[in-house]
C-alpha atoms as a PDB file:
ATOM      1  CA  MET A   1     -17.513 -69.943-103.420  1.00  0.00           C
ATOM      2  CA  PHE A   2     -19.691 -67.494-101.546  1.00  0.00           C
ATOM      3  CA  SER A   3     -19.206 -69.483 -98.389  1.00  0.00           C
ATOM      4  CA  SER A   4     -15.453 -69.377 -98.815  1.00  0.00           C
ATOM      5  CA  PHE A   5     -15.656 -65.593 -99.117  1.00  0.00           C
ATOM      6  CA  LEU A   6     -17.622 -65.361 -95.857  1.00  0.00           C
ATOM      7  CA  LYS A   7     -15.076 -67.507 -94.069  1.00  0.00           C
ATOM      8  CA  ILE A   8     -12.228 -65.287 -95.257  1.00  0.00           C
ATOM      9  CA  LEU A   9     -14.145 -62.101 -94.185  1.00  0.00           C
ATOM     10  CA  LEU A  10     -14.891 -63.561 -90.785  1.00  0.00           C
ATOM     11  CA  ALA A  11     -11.242 -64.512 -90.285  1.00  0.00           C
ATOM     12  CA  LEU A  12     -10.145 -60.977 -91.142  1.00  0.00           C
ATOM     13  CA  LEU A  13     -12.611 -59.502 -88.623  1.00  0.00           C
ATOM     14  CA  LEU A  14     -11.362 -61.787 -85.873  1.00  0.00           C
ATOM     15  CA  VAL A  15      -7.738 -60.893 -86.552  1.00  0.00           C
ATOM     16  CA  GLN A  16      -8.560 -57.139 -86.500  1.00  0.00           C
ATOM     17  CA  GLY A  17     -10.456 -57.476 -83.223  1.00  0.00           C
ATOM     18  CA  ALA A  18      -7.534 -59.283 -81.630  1.00  0.00           C
ATOM     19  CA  ILE A  19      -5.165 -56.563 -82.739  1.00  0.00           C
ATOM     20  CA  PHE A  20      -7.497 -53.837 -81.338  1.00  0.00           C
ATOM     21  CA  ALA A  21      -7.824 -55.606 -78.007  1.00  0.00           C
ATOM     22  CA  GLY A  22      -4.065 -55.855 -77.568  1.00  0.00           C
ATOM     23  CA  THR A  23      -3.249 -52.191 -78.162  1.00  0.00           C
ATOM     24  CA  PRO A  24      -2.686 -49.835 -75.066  1.00  0.00           C
ATOM     25  CA  ARG A  25      -5.375 -47.396 -73.985  1.00  0.00           C
ATOM     26  CA  SER A  26      -5.209 -43.820 -75.106  1.00  0.00           C
ATOM     27  CA  ARG A  27      -4.131 -40.993 -72.762  1.00  0.00           C
ATOM     28  CA  ALA A  28      -7.657 -39.708 -72.575  1.00  0.00           C
ATOM     29  CA  SER A  29      -8.973 -43.000 -71.347  1.00  0.00           C
ATOM     30  CA  ALA A  30      -6.119 -43.278 -68.824  1.00  0.00           C
ATOM     31  CA  ARG A  31      -6.932 -39.866 -67.371  1.00  0.00           C
ATOM     32  CA  SER A  32     -10.569 -40.712 -67.076  1.00  0.00           C
ATOM     33  CA  LYS A  33      -9.762 -43.520 -64.662  1.00  0.00           C
ATOM     34  CA  PRO A  34     -10.358 -42.281 -61.066  1.00  0.00           C
ATOM     35  CA  ARG A  35      -7.309 -42.185 -58.812  1.00  0.00           C
ATOM     36  CA  PRO A  36      -7.460 -43.766 -55.381  1.00  0.00           C
ATOM     37  CA  ALA A  37      -8.132 -41.207 -52.594  1.00  0.00           C
ATOM     38  CA  LYS A  38      -5.158 -40.241 -50.416  1.00  0.00           C
ATOM     39  CA  VAL A  39      -5.559 -41.022 -46.747  1.00  0.00           C
ATOM     40  CA  ARG A  40      -3.959 -38.432 -44.441  1.00  0.00           C
ATOM     41  CA  VAL A  41      -2.448 -39.883 -41.333  1.00  0.00           C
ATOM     42  CA  LYS A  42      -2.072 -37.456 -38.440  1.00  0.00           C
ATOM     43  CA  ALA A  43       1.381 -37.359 -36.985  1.00  0.00           C
ATOM     44  CA  LYS A  44       1.663 -38.084 -33.308  1.00  0.00           C
ATOM     45  CA  PRO A  45       1.938 -34.840 -31.332  1.00  0.00           C
ATOM     46  CA  LYS A  46       5.369 -34.165 -29.961  1.00  0.00           C
ATOM     47  CA  PRO A  47       5.531 -34.266 -26.187  1.00  0.00           C
ATOM     48  CA  LYS A  48       5.409 -30.773 -24.658  1.00  0.00           C
ATOM     49  CA  VAL A  49       8.607 -29.711 -23.011  1.00  0.00           C
ATOM     50  CA  ARG A  50       8.314 -26.964 -20.413  1.00  0.00           C
ATOM     51  CA  ALA A  51      10.727 -24.239 -21.214  1.00  0.00           C
ATOM     52  CA  LYS A  52      12.804 -22.842 -18.418  1.00  0.00           C
ATOM     53  CA  ALA A  53      11.532 -19.489 -17.201  1.00  0.00           C
ATOM     54  CA  LYS A  54      13.602 -16.607 -18.404  1.00  0.00           C
ATOM     55  CA  VAL A  55      14.919 -14.386 -15.632  1.00  0.00           C
ATOM     56  CA  ARG A  56      15.220 -10.791 -16.672  1.00  0.00           C
ATOM     57  CA  LYS A  57      18.438  -9.110 -15.884  1.00  0.00           C
ATOM     58  CA  GLY A  58      18.246  -6.809 -12.907  1.00  0.00           C
ATOM     59  CA  ARG A  59      15.412  -8.756 -11.285  1.00  0.00           C
ATOM     60  CA  SER A  60      15.699 -11.478  -8.735  1.00  0.00           C
ATOM     61  CA  VAL A  61      13.160 -13.844  -7.309  1.00  0.00           C
ATOM     62  CA  ARG A  62      12.671 -12.657  -3.749  1.00  0.00           C
ATOM     63  CA  LYS A  63      16.188 -11.757  -2.770  1.00  0.00           C
ATOM     64  CA  VAL A  64      16.902 -12.543   0.857  1.00  0.00           C
ATOM     65  CA  GLU A  65      18.957  -9.831   2.490  1.00  0.00           C
ATOM     66  CA  ALA A  66      21.450 -10.269   5.261  1.00  0.00           C
ATOM     67  CA  PRO A  67      19.987  -9.310   8.642  1.00  0.00           C
ATOM     68  CA  GLY A  68      22.609  -6.595   9.058  1.00  0.00           C
ATOM     69  CA  VAL A  69      21.497  -4.785   5.904  1.00  0.00           C
ATOM     70  CA  LEU A  70      18.744  -2.173   6.191  1.00  0.00           C
ATOM     71  CA  ARG A  71      16.927  -1.236   3.012  1.00  0.00           C
ATOM     72  CA  LEU A  72      13.883   0.930   3.618  1.00  0.00           C
ATOM     73  CA  GLN A  73      11.158   1.370   1.033  1.00  0.00           C
ATOM     74  CA  SER A  74       9.950   4.676   2.481  1.00  0.00           C
ATOM     75  CA  SER A  75      11.164   7.694   0.512  1.00  0.00           C
ATOM     76  CA  ALA A  76      12.206   9.494   3.694  1.00  0.00           C
ATOM     77  CA  ALA A  77      12.903   8.141   7.160  1.00  0.00           C
ATOM     78  CA  LEU A  78      14.586   8.796  10.472  1.00  0.00           C
ATOM     79  CA  VAL A  79      15.254   6.657  13.544  1.00  0.00           C
ATOM     80  CA  MET A  80      16.381   8.494  16.662  1.00  0.00           C
ATOM     81  CA  ASP A  81      17.389   7.344  20.119  1.00  0.00           C
ATOM     82  CA  GLN A  82      14.922   9.287  22.236  1.00  0.00           C
ATOM     83  CA  ALA A  83      17.139   9.225  25.315  1.00  0.00           C
ATOM     84  CA  THR A  84      20.306  10.579  23.695  1.00  0.00           C
ATOM     85  CA  GLY A  85      19.073  12.265  20.527  1.00  0.00           C
ATOM     86  CA  GLU A  86      21.460  10.100  18.490  1.00  0.00           C
ATOM     87  CA  VAL A  87      20.249   9.540  14.938  1.00  0.00           C
ATOM     88  CA  LEU A  88      20.643   5.862  14.044  1.00  0.00           C
ATOM     89  CA  VAL A  89      19.058   5.979  10.591  1.00  0.00           C
ATOM     90  CA  ALA A  90      18.494   8.939   8.288  1.00  0.00           C
ATOM     91  CA  LYS A  91      17.143   8.983   4.749  1.00  0.00           C
ATOM     92  CA  GLN A  92      16.189  12.286   3.118  1.00  0.00           C
ATOM     93  CA  ALA A  93      15.611  13.543   6.649  1.00  0.00           C
ATOM     94  CA  GLU A  94      16.144  17.270   6.111  1.00  0.00           C
ATOM     95  CA  ALA A  95      13.696  18.131   3.323  1.00  0.00           C
ATOM     96  CA  PRO A  96      10.093  19.056   4.227  1.00  0.00           C
ATOM     97  CA  VAL A  97       7.425  16.684   2.905  1.00  0.00           C
ATOM     98  CA  PRO A  98       3.609  16.530   3.183  1.00  0.00           C
ATOM     99  CA  ILE A  99       2.685  14.925   6.503  1.00  0.00           C
ATOM    100  CA  ALA A 100      -1.015  14.094   6.071  1.00  0.00           C
ATOM    101  CA  SER A 101      -2.704  12.978   9.314  1.00  0.00           C
ATOM    102  CA  LEU A 102       0.495  13.194  11.346  1.00  0.00           C
ATOM    103  CA  THR A 103      -0.850  16.742  11.658  1.00  0.00           C
ATOM    104  CA  LYS A 104      -3.323  15.452  14.237  1.00  0.00           C
ATOM    105  CA  LEU A 105      -0.532  15.071  16.812  1.00  0.00           C
ATOM    106  CA  MET A 106      -0.038  18.833  16.788  1.00  0.00           C
ATOM    107  CA  THR A 107      -3.818  19.357  16.895  1.00  0.00           C
ATOM    108  CA  ALA A 108      -3.980  17.179  19.994  1.00  0.00           C
ATOM    109  CA  MET A 109      -1.138  19.044  21.709  1.00  0.00           C
ATOM    110  CA  VAL A 110      -2.665  22.494  21.291  1.00  0.00           C
ATOM    111  CA  VAL A 111      -6.125  21.262  22.372  1.00  0.00           C
ATOM    112  CA  LEU A 112      -4.592  19.813  25.528  1.00  0.00           C
ATOM    113  CA  ASP A 113      -2.439  22.911  26.055  1.00  0.00           C
ATOM    114  CA  ALA A 114      -5.613  25.015  26.034  1.00  0.00           C
ATOM    115  CA  GLY A 115      -6.904  23.084  29.041  1.00  0.00           C
ATOM    116  CA  LEU A 116     -10.275  22.447  27.403  1.00  0.00           C
ATOM    117  CA  ASN A 117     -12.734  20.182  29.202  1.00  0.00           C
ATOM    118  CA  LEU A 118     -12.436  16.709  27.662  1.00  0.00           C
ATOM    119  CA  ASP A 119     -15.852  15.758  29.048  1.00  0.00           C
ATOM    120  CA  GLU A 120     -17.624  18.612  27.258  1.00  0.00           C
ATOM    121  CA  GLU A 121     -19.935  17.394  24.504  1.00  0.00           C
ATOM    122  CA  ILE A 122     -19.382  18.543  20.936  1.00  0.00           C
ATOM    123  CA  ARG A 123     -21.534  17.758  17.916  1.00  0.00           C
ATOM    124  CA  ILE A 124     -20.379  16.679  14.460  1.00  0.00           C
ATOM    125  CA  GLU A 125     -21.696  19.348  12.096  1.00  0.00           C
ATOM    126  CA  SER A 126     -22.030  19.433   8.308  1.00  0.00           C
ATOM    127  CA  GLU A 127     -19.055  21.801   8.140  1.00  0.00           C
ATOM    128  CA  ASP A 128     -16.895  19.021   9.581  1.00  0.00           C
ATOM    129  CA  LYS A 129     -17.320  17.052   6.343  1.00  0.00           C
ATOM    130  CA  ASP A 130     -14.277  16.721   4.111  1.00  0.00           C
ATOM    131  CA  THR A 131     -15.040  18.816   1.023  1.00  0.00           C
ATOM    132  CA  LEU A 132     -11.411  18.854  -0.142  1.00  0.00           C
ATOM    133  CA  ARG A 133     -10.924  15.128  -0.800  1.00  0.00           C
ATOM    134  CA  ASN A 134     -14.390  13.758  -0.034  1.00  0.00           C
ATOM    135  CA  SER A 135     -12.943  11.183   2.329  1.00  0.00           C
ATOM    136  CA  ARG A 136     -15.381   8.872   4.074  1.00  0.00           C
ATOM    137  CA  SER A 137     -16.284   9.060   7.733  1.00  0.00           C
ATOM    138  CA  ARG A 138     -18.194   6.771  10.051  1.00  0.00           C
ATOM    139  CA  LEU A 139     -19.354   9.700  12.156  1.00  0.00           C
ATOM    140  CA  PRO A 140     -22.712  10.903  10.824  1.00  0.00           C
ATOM    141  CA  VAL A 141     -23.581  14.565  11.030  1.00  0.00           C
ATOM    142  CA  GLY A 142     -25.363  15.122  14.329  1.00  0.00           C
ATOM    143  CA  THR A 143     -23.254  12.606  16.282  1.00  0.00           C
ATOM    144  CA  LEU A 144     -22.677  13.816  19.821  1.00  0.00           C
ATOM    145  CA  LEU A 145     -19.238  13.124  21.311  1.00  0.00           C
ATOM    146  CA  THR A 146     -17.246  14.309  24.245  1.00  0.00           C
ATOM    147  CA  ARG A 147     -14.134  16.264  23.351  1.00  0.00           C
ATOM    148  CA  GLY A 148     -12.121  13.389  24.778  1.00  0.00           C
ATOM    149  CA  GLU A 149     -13.847  10.905  22.464  1.00  0.00           C
ATOM    150  CA  ALA A 150     -13.200  13.160  19.479  1.00  0.00           C
ATOM    151  CA  LEU A 151      -9.542  13.356  20.476  1.00  0.00           C
ATOM    152  CA  LEU A 152      -9.373   9.574  20.848  1.00  0.00           C
ATOM    153  CA  LEU A 153     -10.878   8.964  17.401  1.00  0.00           C
ATOM    154  CA  ALA A 154      -8.633  11.573  15.785  1.00  0.00           C
ATOM    155  CA  LEU A 155      -5.503   9.927  17.179  1.00  0.00           C
ATOM    156  CA  ALA A 156      -6.291   6.199  17.086  1.00  0.00           C
ATOM    157  CA  ALA A 157      -8.631   5.946  14.076  1.00  0.00           C
ATOM    158  CA  SER A 158      -7.423   9.126  12.316  1.00  0.00           C
ATOM    159  CA  GLU A 159     -11.028  10.362  12.068  1.00  0.00           C
ATOM    160  CA  ASN A 160     -11.036  13.559   9.995  1.00  0.00           C
ATOM    161  CA  ARG A 161     -14.437  14.833  11.125  1.00  0.00           C
ATOM    162  CA  ALA A 162     -13.395  14.418  14.747  1.00  0.00           C
ATOM    163  CA  ALA A 163     -10.182  16.360  14.113  1.00  0.00           C
ATOM    164  CA  HIS A 164     -12.050  19.134  12.321  1.00  0.00           C
ATOM    165  CA  ALA A 165     -14.569  19.349  15.165  1.00  0.00           C
ATOM    166  CA  LEU A 166     -11.699  19.735  17.640  1.00  0.00           C
ATOM    167  CA  GLY A 167     -10.412  22.713  15.685  1.00  0.00           C
ATOM    168  CA  ARG A 168     -13.869  24.204  15.158  1.00  0.00           C
ATOM    169  CA  THR A 169     -14.627  24.107  18.902  1.00  0.00           C
ATOM    170  CA  TYR A 170     -11.209  25.501  19.856  1.00  0.00           C
ATOM    171  CA  PRO A 171     -11.415  28.996  21.385  1.00  0.00           C
ATOM    172  CA  GLY A 172     -11.530  31.304  18.372  1.00  0.00           C
ATOM    173  CA  GLY A 173     -12.387  28.474  15.970  1.00  0.00           C
ATOM    174  CA  THR A 174     -10.354  26.549  13.417  1.00  0.00           C
ATOM    175  CA  GLU A 175      -8.294  29.537  12.323  1.00  0.00           C
ATOM    176  CA  ALA A 176      -7.174  30.224  15.893  1.00  0.00           C
ATOM    177  CA  CYS A 177      -6.347  26.550  16.367  1.00  0.00           C
ATOM    178  CA  VAL A 178      -4.119  26.516  13.271  1.00  0.00           C
ATOM    179  CA  VAL A 179      -2.365  29.663  14.484  1.00  0.00           C
ATOM    180  CA  ALA A 180      -1.713  27.936  17.815  1.00  0.00           C
ATOM    181  CA  MET A 181      -0.359  24.875  15.989  1.00  0.00           C
ATOM    182  CA  ASN A 182       2.165  26.926  14.034  1.00  0.00           C
ATOM    183  CA  ALA A 183       3.144  28.828  17.177  1.00  0.00           C
ATOM    184  CA  LYS A 184       3.700  25.518  18.983  1.00  0.00           C
ATOM    185  CA  ALA A 185       5.878  24.292  16.121  1.00  0.00           C
ATOM    186  CA  LYS A 186       7.993  27.426  16.341  1.00  0.00           C
ATOM    187  CA  ALA A 187       8.330  27.071  20.116  1.00  0.00           C
ATOM    188  CA  LEU A 188       9.556  23.493  19.651  1.00  0.00           C
ATOM    189  CA  GLY A 189      12.119  24.634  17.094  1.00  0.00           C
ATOM    190  CA  LEU A 190      10.457  22.833  14.184  1.00  0.00           C
ATOM    191  CA  SER A 191      11.776  25.156  11.502  1.00  0.00           C
ATOM    192  CA  THR A 192      10.330  23.218   8.548  1.00  0.00           C
ATOM    193  CA  ALA A 193       6.878  22.571  10.026  1.00  0.00           C
ATOM    194  CA  ARG A 194       3.870  24.332   8.481  1.00  0.00           C
ATOM    195  CA  PHE A 195       0.214  23.700   9.351  1.00  0.00           C
ATOM    196  CA  ARG A 196      -2.868  24.752   7.393  1.00  0.00           C
ATOM    197  CA  ASP A 197      -5.636  22.681   8.959  1.00  0.00           C
ATOM    198  CA  THR A 198      -6.306  20.432  11.940  1.00  0.00           C
ATOM    199  CA  SER A 199      -6.870  17.146  10.092  1.00  0.00           C
ATOM    200  CA  GLY A 200      -3.964  16.924   7.644  1.00  0.00           C
ATOM    201  CA  LEU A 201      -6.108  16.781   4.510  1.00  0.00           C
ATOM    202  CA  ASP A 202      -4.415  19.913   3.172  1.00  0.00           C
ATOM    203  CA  GLY A 203      -1.219  19.003   1.314  1.00  0.00           C
ATOM    204  CA  GLY A 204       0.326  22.204   2.647  1.00  0.00           C
ATOM    205  CA  ASN A 205       0.836  20.616   6.055  1.00  0.00           C
ATOM    206  CA  GLN A 206       4.542  19.840   5.825  1.00  0.00           C
ATOM    207  CA  ALA A 207       7.637  19.075   7.884  1.00  0.00           C
ATOM    208  CA  ALA A 208      11.009  17.376   7.483  1.00  0.00           C
ATOM    209  CA  PRO A 209      11.436  13.940   9.095  1.00  0.00           C
ATOM    210  CA  ARG A 210      13.960  15.416  11.542  1.00  0.00           C
ATOM    211  CA  ASP A 211      11.350  17.911  12.767  1.00  0.00           C
ATOM    212  CA  LEU A 212       8.694  15.197  12.880  1.00  0.00           C
ATOM    213  CA  ALA A 213      10.923  13.196  15.219  1.00  0.00           C
ATOM    214  CA  ALA A 214      11.099  16.216  17.521  1.00  0.00           C
ATOM    215  CA  MET A 215       7.309  16.615  17.312  1.00  0.00           C
ATOM    216  CA  VAL A 216       6.797  12.955  18.263  1.00  0.00           C
ATOM    217  CA  ASP A 217       9.198  13.376  21.169  1.00  0.00           C
ATOM    218  CA  ALA A 218       7.189  16.382  22.389  1.00  0.00           C
ATOM    219  CA  ALA A 219       3.821  14.638  21.911  1.00  0.00           C
ATOM    220  CA  HIS A 220       5.100  11.650  23.875  1.00  0.00           C
ATOM    221  CA  GLY A 221       5.229  13.920  26.902  1.00  0.00           C
ATOM    222  CA  TYR A 222       1.402  14.056  26.981  1.00  0.00           C
ATOM    223  CA  PRO A 223      -0.086  11.046  28.841  1.00  0.00           C
ATOM    224  CA  VAL A 224      -3.422  11.443  27.033  1.00  0.00           C
ATOM    225  CA  ILE A 225      -1.730  11.266  23.625  1.00  0.00           C
ATOM    226  CA  ARG A 226       0.284   8.218  24.654  1.00  0.00           C
ATOM    227  CA  ASP A 227      -2.894   6.495  25.844  1.00  0.00           C
ATOM    228  CA  TYR A 228      -5.257   7.450  23.030  1.00  0.00           C
ATOM    229  CA  SER A 229      -2.860   6.963  20.109  1.00  0.00           C
ATOM    230  CA  THR A 230      -2.002   3.380  21.084  1.00  0.00           C
ATOM    231  CA  ARG A 231      -5.441   1.993  21.923  1.00  0.00           C
ATOM    232  CA  PRO A 232      -6.044  -1.027  19.683  1.00  0.00           C
ATOM    233  CA  GLU A 233      -9.782  -0.374  19.384  1.00  0.00           C
ATOM    234  CA  THR A 234     -12.560   1.700  20.864  1.00  0.00           C
ATOM    235  CA  GLU A 235     -16.340   2.020  20.686  1.00  0.00           C
ATOM    236  CA  ILE A 236     -18.490   5.129  20.769  1.00  0.00           C
ATOM    237  CA  GLU A 237     -22.237   5.670  20.786  1.00  0.00           C
ATOM    238  CA  ALA A 238     -23.575   7.324  17.659  1.00  0.00           C
ATOM    239  CA  GLY A 239     -27.267   7.893  18.179  1.00  0.00           C
ATOM    240  CA  ARG A 240     -28.891   4.539  18.880  1.00  0.00           C
ATOM    241  CA  ARG A 241     -25.956   2.395  17.828  1.00  0.00           C
ATOM    242  CA  ARG A 242     -22.401   1.777  18.874  1.00  0.00           C
ATOM    243  CA  ILE A 243     -19.574   2.059  16.365  1.00  0.00           C
ATOM    244  CA  ALA A 244     -16.289   0.190  16.773  1.00  0.00           C
ATOM    245  CA  PHE A 245     -13.068   1.799  15.564  1.00  0.00           C
ATOM    246  CA  ASN A 246      -9.707   0.079  15.110  1.00  0.00           C
ATOM    247  CA  ASN A 247      -6.308   1.701  15.414  1.00  0.00           C
ATOM    248  CA  THR A 248      -4.879   2.482  11.984  1.00  0.00           C
ATOM    249  CA  ASN A 249      -1.497   1.056  13.035  1.00  0.00           C
ATOM    250  CA  GLY A 250      -1.806  -2.719  13.267  1.00  0.00           C
ATOM    251  CA  LEU A 251       1.486  -2.952  15.170  1.00  0.00           C
ATOM    252  CA  VAL A 252      -0.203  -1.726  18.361  1.00  0.00           C
ATOM    253  CA  ARG A 253      -1.980  -5.108  18.419  1.00  0.00           C
ATOM    254  CA  ASN A 254       1.316  -6.986  18.071  1.00  0.00           C
ATOM    255  CA  ALA A 255       2.622  -8.321  21.384  1.00  0.00           C
ATOM    256  CA  GLN A 256       6.197  -8.165  20.074  1.00  0.00           C
ATOM    257  CA  TRP A 257       6.065  -4.379  20.017  1.00  0.00           C
ATOM    258  CA  ALA A 258       6.181  -1.986  22.975  1.00  0.00           C
ATOM    259  CA  ILE A 259       4.715   1.152  21.406  1.00  0.00           C
ATOM    260  CA  GLY A 260       4.359   4.304  23.472  1.00  0.00           C
ATOM    261  CA  LEU A 261       2.919   6.580  20.755  1.00  0.00           C
ATOM    262  CA  SER A 262       1.602   5.974  17.273  1.00  0.00           C
ATOM    263  CA  LYS A 263       0.181   7.973  14.385  1.00  0.00           C
ATOM    264  CA  THR A 264      -0.420   7.076  10.770  1.00  0.00           C
ATOM    265  CA  GLY A 265      -1.188   9.287   7.816  1.00  0.00           C
ATOM    266  CA  TYR A 266      -2.114   9.161   4.174  1.00  0.00           C
ATOM    267  CA  ILE A 267      -2.987  11.511   1.360  1.00  0.00           C
ATOM    268  CA  ARG A 268      -1.920  11.133  -2.256  1.00  0.00           C
ATOM    269  CA  GLU A 269       0.852  13.727  -1.984  1.00  0.00           C
ATOM    270  CA  ALA A 270       2.285  12.231   1.195  1.00  0.00           C
ATOM    271  CA  GLY A 271       1.958   8.517   0.545  1.00  0.00           C
ATOM    272  CA  LYS A 272       1.636   6.226   3.543  1.00  0.00           C
ATOM    273  CA  CYS A 273       3.259   7.659   6.654  1.00  0.00           C
ATOM    274  CA  LEU A 274       3.934   6.372  10.157  1.00  0.00           C
ATOM    275  CA  VAL A 275       5.518   7.841  13.271  1.00  0.00           C
ATOM    276  CA  MET A 276       6.022   5.916  16.488  1.00  0.00           C
ATOM    277  CA  GLN A 277       7.726   5.956  19.827  1.00  0.00           C
ATOM    278  CA  ALA A 278       8.714   2.414  20.726  1.00  0.00           C
ATOM    279  CA  HIS A 279      11.135   0.490  22.906  1.00  0.00           C
ATOM    280  CA  LEU A 280      13.336  -1.760  20.766  1.00  0.00           C
ATOM    281  CA  SER A 281      16.288  -3.753  22.077  1.00  0.00           C
ATOM    282  CA  GLY A 282      16.190  -1.838  25.335  1.00  0.00           C
ATOM    283  CA  ARG A 283      16.225   1.580  23.651  1.00  0.00           C
ATOM    284  CA  PRO A 284      13.453   4.194  23.497  1.00  0.00           C
ATOM    285  CA  LEU A 285      13.283   5.100  19.828  1.00  0.00           C
ATOM    286  CA  VAL A 286      11.410   7.579  17.679  1.00  0.00           C
ATOM    287  CA  ILE A 287      10.659   6.183  14.214  1.00  0.00           C
ATOM    288  CA  VAL A 288       9.575   8.353  11.280  1.00  0.00           C
ATOM    289  CA  LEU A 289       8.592   6.735   7.961  1.00  0.00           C
ATOM    290  CA  MET A 290       7.350   8.895   5.095  1.00  0.00           C
ATOM    291  CA  ASP A 291       5.947   8.154   1.650  1.00  0.00           C
ATOM    292  CA  SER A 292       5.773   4.367   1.705  1.00  0.00           C
ATOM    293  CA  TRP A 293       3.834   2.672  -1.107  1.00  0.00           C
ATOM    294  CA  GLY A 294       2.737  -0.734  -2.327  1.00  0.00           C
ATOM    295  CA  ARG A 295       3.631  -3.976  -0.620  1.00  0.00           C
ATOM    296  CA  TYR A 296       6.580  -2.304   1.097  1.00  0.00           C
ATOM    297  CA  THR A 297       4.316  -0.704   3.636  1.00  0.00           C
ATOM    298  CA  ARG A 298       5.119   1.584   6.529  1.00  0.00           C
ATOM    299  CA  GLN A 299       4.609  -1.339   8.928  1.00  0.00           C
ATOM    300  CA  GLY A 300       6.969  -3.409   6.799  1.00  0.00           C
ATOM    301  CA  ASP A 301       9.688  -0.780   7.130  1.00  0.00           C
ATOM    302  CA  ALA A 302       9.103  -0.606  10.882  1.00  0.00           C
ATOM    303  CA  ILE A 303       9.613  -4.370  11.117  1.00  0.00           C
ATOM    304  CA  ARG A 304      12.791  -4.121   9.041  1.00  0.00           C
ATOM    305  CA  ILE A 305      14.112  -1.474  11.420  1.00  0.00           C
ATOM    306  CA  LYS A 306      13.313  -3.679  14.399  1.00  0.00           C
ATOM    307  CA  GLN A 307      15.125  -6.670  12.883  1.00  0.00           C
ATOM    308  CA  TRP A 308      18.094  -4.552  11.843  1.00  0.00           C
ATOM    309  CA  LEU A 309      18.422  -3.050  15.316  1.00  0.00           C
ATOM    310  CA  GLU A 310      18.166  -6.430  17.031  1.00  0.00           C
ATOM    311  CA  HIS A 311      20.925  -7.778  14.796  1.00  0.00           C
ATOM    312  CA  ALA A 312      23.117  -4.711  15.391  1.00  0.00           C
ATOM    313  CA  VAL A 313      22.800  -5.093  19.164  1.00  0.00           C
ATOM    314  CA  LYS A 314      23.398  -8.840  19.002  1.00  0.00           C
ATOM    315  CA  THR A 315      26.584  -8.415  16.966  1.00  0.00           C
ATOM    316  CA  GLY A 316      27.863  -5.572  19.137  1.00  0.00           C
ATOM    317  CA  LYS A 317      27.531  -2.864  16.489  1.00  0.00           C
ATOM    318  CA  LEU A 318      25.132  -0.998  18.768  1.00  0.00           C
ATOM    319  CA  ARG A 319      24.897  -0.985  22.519  1.00  0.00           C
ATOM    320  CA  LYS A 320      21.659  -1.655  24.347  1.00  0.00           C
END
């Protein structure tokens, strides 16, 4: 009987175990099962598409102008037929403006008018240094030059110490030289011209482009000024070495130009300036360009004038 009881108990245990094994797992046990890790797959990068450049309104990419159109970048300008006095181009030509080193043309005229010996030696002194703007110079104090060499460097290389030395060694000194310059301007009828020094460093040296054209015309009458102002380069002895100077107007080295007189200028108040006498399309012209900045340089405006004039003559708008 005892064995029958054990058999019954064992059968009950087996049935209960089968029932337990067939039941679903609890939520807790399901959560405890680790989930498979997610694998991130990088998306293929989209091909780069170059966007079209946006063009701002009012700006063009290097606009090409018709050859018959003249647009000067100088703030003030004048082009005059030297033979007839006819004004071909005028832009703000009546108002006086600072003239910077264009002043040196008047300095040269009064020095030559005084009949001073161009072979006389003059020395660069410490007082010839620029204390107003501290501009650089390649002429050391103590350099010995002839007056002619100083005049050459003042005109071709726009050397300020040379120009100051010319005024300092003028009869009566710099003050007398400036007085003579203003008297010369009055005699030439340059009503807007005012001079305060011999180099042009003083912003008070002023004249209207129309008067500057008349000054260039007068200066062109001096053979020495024509020669010195258009020399492409020159050398002078400074102590034991020789110093080479280039003309500040690169157009004098251009075979396409026939330039009879040239002078450049620059101070902050005046901008970049250029005056020339040149033969263009068979005409003797006086060109005045004032306050030119940036890439639209004074030489660039001169070239534009040349191209404009050539086109005007070719199309019959201007006679030769």
